[in-house]
Amino acid sequence: MSMILIDVRTKGEYAEGHIDKAMNHDIMSMMSGVFPNIDKEEEVCLYCESGNRSMMAKSFMENAGFKKVKDLGSINNLR
């Protein structure tokens, strides 16, 4: 198993620039109950623009049964 990096911003924000190897899964999908099609045992790291959406996404994913979710906060902290 390896770590999965997820950008929870919109498709437009993702298209404007993202961290290499990050997949995009908009937090709005998670709010609707749609989560990435990944193993719930995988280590998942989330980020967004400011850290607010990734913090919320962490909570949504944990409530949906994902076991190893980490909030990395703002994309600016990762560049």
N, C-alpha and C. Protein backbone atom coordinates (compact mmCIF):
# COMPACT_ATOMS: atom_id res chain seq x y z
N MET A 1 0.84 -1.20 0.00
CA MET A 1 0.00 0.00 0.00
C MET A 1 0.87 1.25 0.00
N SER A 2 0.41 2.25 -0.71
CA SER A 2 1.12 3.51 -0.72
C SER A 2 0.14 4.63 -0.38
N MET A 3 0.67 5.79 -0.08
CA MET A 3 -0.15 6.93 0.29
C MET A 3 -0.85 7.50 -0.95
N ILE A 4 -2.11 7.87 -0.79
CA ILE A 4 -2.88 8.48 -1.87
C ILE A 4 -3.08 9.94 -1.53
N LEU A 5 -2.70 10.81 -2.44
CA LEU A 5 -2.82 12.26 -2.25
C LEU A 5 -4.05 12.74 -3.01
N ILE A 6 -4.95 13.41 -2.29
CA ILE A 6 -6.20 13.88 -2.90
C ILE A 6 -6.35 15.39 -2.73
N ASP A 7 -6.56 16.06 -3.86
CA ASP A 7 -6.86 17.49 -3.91
C ASP A 7 -8.37 17.60 -3.87
N VAL A 8 -8.92 18.23 -2.82
CA VAL A 8 -10.38 18.29 -2.66
C VAL A 8 -10.98 19.59 -3.20
N ARG A 9 -10.19 20.32 -3.99
CA ARG A 9 -10.70 21.56 -4.60
C ARG A 9 -11.54 21.22 -5.84
N THR A 10 -12.09 22.25 -6.47
CA THR A 10 -12.91 22.05 -7.67
C THR A 10 -12.04 21.60 -8.84
N LYS A 11 -12.69 21.05 -9.87
CA LYS A 11 -11.95 20.63 -11.07
C LYS A 11 -11.20 21.81 -11.69
N GLY A 12 -11.82 22.98 -11.66
CA GLY A 12 -11.18 24.19 -12.21
C GLY A 12 -9.93 24.57 -11.45
N GLU A 13 -10.01 24.55 -10.13
CA GLU A 13 -8.84 24.87 -9.31
C GLU A 13 -7.73 23.85 -9.54
N TYR A 14 -8.12 22.59 -9.62
CA TYR A 14 -7.17 21.50 -9.86
C TYR A 14 -6.46 21.70 -11.20
N ALA A 15 -7.24 22.06 -12.23
CA ALA A 15 -6.69 22.26 -13.57
C ALA A 15 -5.70 23.43 -13.62
N GLU A 16 -5.89 24.41 -12.75
CA GLU A 16 -4.99 25.57 -12.72
C GLU A 16 -3.65 25.24 -12.09
N GLY A 17 -3.57 24.12 -11.41
CA GLY A 17 -2.31 23.72 -10.81
C GLY A 17 -2.55 22.87 -9.58
N HIS A 18 -1.80 21.78 -9.47
CA HIS A 18 -1.96 20.87 -8.34
C HIS A 18 -0.63 20.19 -8.03
N ILE A 19 -0.56 19.50 -6.93
CA ILE A 19 0.63 18.77 -6.54
C ILE A 19 0.76 17.54 -7.44
N ASP A 20 1.96 17.30 -7.92
CA ASP A 20 2.23 16.16 -8.80
C ASP A 20 1.74 14.86 -8.16
N LYS A 21 1.08 14.04 -8.95
CA LYS A 21 0.53 12.73 -8.55
C LYS A 21 -0.72 12.80 -7.68
N ALA A 22 -1.25 14.01 -7.45
CA ALA A 22 -2.49 14.13 -6.67
C ALA A 22 -3.69 13.85 -7.58
N MET A 23 -4.65 13.11 -7.03
CA MET A 23 -5.92 12.92 -7.75
C MET A 23 -6.89 14.01 -7.28
N ASN A 24 -7.87 14.30 -8.09
CA ASN A 24 -8.86 15.33 -7.73
C ASN A 24 -10.17 14.66 -7.36
N HIS A 25 -10.69 15.04 -6.20
CA HIS A 25 -12.03 14.61 -5.78
C HIS A 25 -12.63 15.76 -4.99
N ASP A 26 -13.47 16.52 -5.64
CA ASP A 26 -14.08 17.73 -5.08
C ASP A 26 -14.85 17.41 -3.79
N ILE A 27 -14.66 18.25 -2.79
CA ILE A 27 -15.34 18.05 -1.52
C ILE A 27 -16.86 18.07 -1.69
N MET A 28 -17.36 18.77 -2.70
CA MET A 28 -18.81 18.81 -2.92
C MET A 28 -19.34 17.40 -3.20
N SER A 29 -18.55 16.57 -3.85
CA SER A 29 -18.96 15.18 -4.08
C SER A 29 -19.05 14.44 -2.76
N MET A 30 -18.07 14.68 -1.88
CA MET A 30 -18.09 14.02 -0.57
C MET A 30 -19.30 14.45 0.24
N MET A 31 -19.66 15.72 0.12
CA MET A 31 -20.83 16.23 0.85
C MET A 31 -22.10 15.53 0.36
N SER A 32 -22.07 15.04 -0.89
CA SER A 32 -23.20 14.31 -1.47
C SER A 32 -23.10 12.81 -1.22
N GLY A 33 -22.05 12.40 -0.50
CA GLY A 33 -21.90 10.98 -0.19
C GLY A 33 -21.11 10.18 -1.21
N VAL A 34 -20.45 10.87 -2.14
CA VAL A 34 -19.65 10.20 -3.16
C VAL A 34 -18.17 10.36 -2.79
N PHE A 35 -17.51 9.22 -2.60
CA PHE A 35 -16.11 9.22 -2.16
C PHE A 35 -15.22 8.58 -3.20
N PRO A 36 -13.91 8.85 -3.13
CA PRO A 36 -12.99 8.22 -4.10
C PRO A 36 -13.11 6.70 -4.04
N ASN A 37 -12.97 6.07 -5.19
CA ASN A 37 -13.05 4.62 -5.29
C ASN A 37 -11.70 4.02 -4.92
N ILE A 38 -11.40 4.05 -3.64
CA ILE A 38 -10.13 3.53 -3.12
C ILE A 38 -10.40 2.67 -1.89
N ASP A 39 -9.45 1.83 -1.56
CA ASP A 39 -9.54 0.97 -0.39
C ASP A 39 -9.59 1.84 0.87
N LYS A 40 -10.53 1.56 1.75
CA LYS A 40 -10.68 2.35 2.97
C LYS A 40 -9.54 2.14 3.97
N GLU A 41 -8.67 1.16 3.69
CA GLU A 41 -7.50 0.92 4.54
C GLU A 41 -6.27 1.68 4.05
N GLU A 42 -6.34 2.26 2.86
CA GLU A 42 -5.21 3.01 2.30
C GLU A 42 -4.95 4.28 3.12
N GLU A 43 -3.69 4.70 3.15
CA GLU A 43 -3.36 5.98 3.77
C GLU A 43 -3.71 7.07 2.78
N VAL A 44 -4.52 8.03 3.21
CA VAL A 44 -5.00 9.11 2.36
C VAL A 44 -4.57 10.45 2.95
N CYS A 45 -4.01 11.31 2.11
CA CYS A 45 -3.64 12.66 2.53
C CYS A 45 -4.41 13.66 1.68
N LEU A 46 -5.02 14.63 2.33
CA LEU A 46 -5.88 15.61 1.67
C LEU A 46 -5.29 17.01 1.74
N TYR A 47 -5.57 17.80 0.70
CA TYR A 47 -5.21 19.22 0.74
C TYR A 47 -6.21 20.02 -0.07
N CYS A 48 -6.21 21.34 0.15
CA CYS A 48 -7.07 22.25 -0.60
C CYS A 48 -6.36 23.59 -0.70
N GLU A 49 -7.10 24.67 -0.90
CA GLU A 49 -6.48 25.99 -1.04
C GLU A 49 -6.03 26.56 0.30
N SER A 50 -6.91 26.55 1.29
CA SER A 50 -6.60 27.19 2.58
C SER A 50 -6.48 26.22 3.74
N GLY A 51 -7.01 25.01 3.57
CA GLY A 51 -7.02 24.04 4.66
C GLY A 51 -8.41 23.78 5.22
N ASN A 52 -9.37 24.64 4.91
CA ASN A 52 -10.73 24.47 5.43
C ASN A 52 -11.43 23.28 4.81
N ARG A 53 -11.38 23.18 3.48
CA ARG A 53 -12.08 22.07 2.81
C ARG A 53 -11.42 20.73 3.12
N SER A 54 -10.10 20.71 3.21
CA SER A 54 -9.43 19.43 3.51
C SER A 54 -9.76 18.97 4.93
N MET A 55 -9.91 19.91 5.85
CA MET A 55 -10.30 19.57 7.22
C MET A 55 -11.71 18.96 7.22
N MET A 56 -12.62 19.57 6.47
CA MET A 56 -13.99 19.03 6.37
C MET A 56 -13.99 17.68 5.68
N ALA A 57 -13.21 17.54 4.61
CA ALA A 57 -13.15 16.29 3.85
C ALA A 57 -12.62 15.16 4.73
N LYS A 58 -11.66 15.45 5.58
CA LYS A 58 -11.11 14.44 6.51
C LYS A 58 -12.24 13.89 7.38
N SER A 59 -13.05 14.76 7.91
CA SER A 59 -14.17 14.35 8.75
C SER A 59 -15.18 13.51 7.96
N PHE A 60 -15.52 13.95 6.73
CA PHE A 60 -16.46 13.20 5.90
C PHE A 60 -15.92 11.81 5.61
N MET A 61 -14.64 11.73 5.26
CA MET A 61 -14.05 10.43 4.90
C MET A 61 -13.99 9.50 6.12
N GLU A 62 -13.62 10.04 7.27
CA GLU A 62 -13.58 9.21 8.48
C GLU A 62 -14.97 8.69 8.83
N ASN A 63 -15.97 9.55 8.70
CA ASN A 63 -17.35 9.13 8.98
C ASN A 63 -17.83 8.08 7.99
N ALA A 64 -17.23 8.06 6.78
CA ALA A 64 -17.60 7.07 5.76
C ALA A 64 -16.79 5.77 5.91
N GLY A 65 -15.90 5.72 6.92
CA GLY A 65 -15.18 4.48 7.18
C GLY A 65 -13.74 4.41 6.73
N PHE A 66 -13.21 5.50 6.18
CA PHE A 66 -11.80 5.51 5.80
C PHE A 66 -10.97 5.55 7.08
N LYS A 67 -9.96 4.70 7.16
CA LYS A 67 -9.23 4.48 8.41
C LYS A 67 -8.03 5.39 8.65
N LYS A 68 -7.31 5.76 7.58
CA LYS A 68 -6.05 6.49 7.72
C LYS A 68 -6.08 7.76 6.90
N VAL A 69 -6.76 8.79 7.40
CA VAL A 69 -6.91 10.04 6.67
C VAL A 69 -6.14 11.13 7.39
N LYS A 70 -5.33 11.85 6.62
CA LYS A 70 -4.53 12.95 7.17
C LYS A 70 -4.84 14.22 6.40
N ASP A 71 -4.99 15.30 7.13
CA ASP A 71 -5.22 16.62 6.52
C ASP A 71 -3.89 17.34 6.42
N LEU A 72 -3.44 17.62 5.19
CA LEU A 72 -2.19 18.34 4.97
C LEU A 72 -2.40 19.85 4.92
N GLY A 73 -3.66 20.29 4.87
CA GLY A 73 -3.95 21.72 4.89
C GLY A 73 -3.82 22.37 3.51
N SER A 74 -3.23 23.54 3.50
CA SER A 74 -3.15 24.38 2.30
C SER A 74 -2.13 23.87 1.29
N ILE A 75 -2.50 23.97 0.01
CA ILE A 75 -1.57 23.61 -1.06
C ILE A 75 -0.30 24.45 -0.97
N ASN A 76 -0.43 25.68 -0.48
CA ASN A 76 0.72 26.56 -0.39
C ASN A 76 1.77 26.04 0.59
N ASN A 77 1.36 25.24 1.56
CA ASN A 77 2.30 24.64 2.51
C ASN A 77 3.05 23.48 1.87
N LEU A 78 2.57 22.98 0.74
CA LEU A 78 3.14 21.79 0.11
C LEU A 78 4.04 22.10 -1.07
N ARG A 79 4.01 23.34 -1.53
CA ARG A 79 4.80 23.72 -2.72
C ARG A 79 6.22 24.04 -2.35
